[in-house]
Amino acid sequence: MPKKQEIEITILPDGRVEYTVVGVKGAHCADIAELLKVLGQVEQEQNTGEYYESERSGDVVIRH
């Protein structure tokens, strides 16, 4: 069974948007983050520990 992949999005009271990509490792996480840049200007980026874990080959599916 594939591991659950999520994007946690928080809209702050001042209108800024924060998001965390969960369950995606390495470069695949960066690919998703790049897609989310359409939300506006990026003020800060920070990689989580999952980014540095080894990647497992697989496909990322984005549904909207």
Protein backbone atom coordinates (compact mmCIF):
# COMPACT_ATOMS: atom_id res chain seq x y z
CA MET A 1 0.00 0.00 0.00
CA PRO A 2 1.46 3.41 -0.97
CA LYS A 3 2.27 5.85 1.79
CA LYS A 4 -0.17 8.72 2.26
CA GLN A 5 0.95 11.99 0.67
CA GLU A 6 -0.53 15.29 1.79
CA ILE A 7 -0.14 19.03 1.50
CA GLU A 8 -1.05 20.85 4.70
CA ILE A 9 -2.09 24.45 3.93
CA THR A 10 -2.58 27.17 6.54
CA ILE A 11 -3.95 30.63 5.75
CA LEU A 12 -2.73 33.06 8.39
CA PRO A 13 -4.82 36.02 9.67
CA ASP A 14 -2.66 38.46 7.67
CA GLY A 15 -3.40 36.56 4.43
CA ARG A 16 -0.07 34.78 4.12
CA VAL A 17 -0.18 31.11 3.18
CA GLU A 18 2.04 28.44 4.72
CA TYR A 19 2.21 24.89 3.41
CA THR A 20 3.97 21.66 4.33
CA VAL A 21 4.37 18.72 1.97
CA VAL A 22 4.04 15.48 3.98
CA GLY A 23 4.86 11.94 2.89
CA VAL A 24 7.00 12.94 -0.10
CA LYS A 25 10.77 12.63 0.01
CA GLY A 26 13.63 14.39 -1.77
CA ALA A 27 13.31 15.96 -5.18
CA HIS A 28 9.65 14.95 -5.53
CA CYS A 29 8.87 17.26 -2.61
CA ALA A 30 10.70 20.12 -4.35
CA ASP A 31 8.68 19.47 -7.53
CA ILE A 32 5.41 19.86 -5.61
CA ALA A 33 6.67 22.98 -3.84
CA GLU A 34 7.50 24.49 -7.23
CA LEU A 35 3.90 23.96 -8.37
CA LEU A 36 2.60 25.71 -5.25
CA LYS A 37 4.58 28.87 -6.00
CA VAL A 38 1.66 30.00 -8.15
CA LEU A 39 -0.03 30.96 -4.85
CA GLY A 40 2.17 34.05 -4.61
CA GLN A 41 5.60 35.38 -3.74
CA VAL A 42 7.76 33.02 -1.68
CA GLU A 43 9.15 34.72 1.41
CA GLN A 44 10.89 31.71 2.95
CA GLU A 45 11.56 28.06 2.19
CA GLN A 46 12.56 25.40 4.69
CA ASN A 47 13.11 21.71 4.01
CA THR A 48 11.81 19.20 6.52
CA GLY A 49 13.62 16.00 7.51
CA GLU A 50 11.64 14.07 4.88
CA TYR A 51 13.37 16.06 2.15
CA TYR A 52 16.70 14.53 3.15
CA GLU A 53 15.42 10.93 3.41
CA SER A 54 16.10 8.59 0.52
CA GLU A 55 13.56 8.71 -2.26
CA ARG A 56 11.46 5.75 -3.20
CA SER A 57 10.64 5.55 -6.89
CA GLY A 58 7.01 6.21 -7.63
CA ASP A 59 4.63 8.67 -9.13
CA VAL A 60 3.12 11.72 -7.47
CA VAL A 61 -0.48 12.35 -8.47
CA ILE A 62 -1.99 15.80 -7.96
CA ARG A 63 -5.77 15.98 -8.06
CA HIS A 64 -7.76 19.19 -8.08
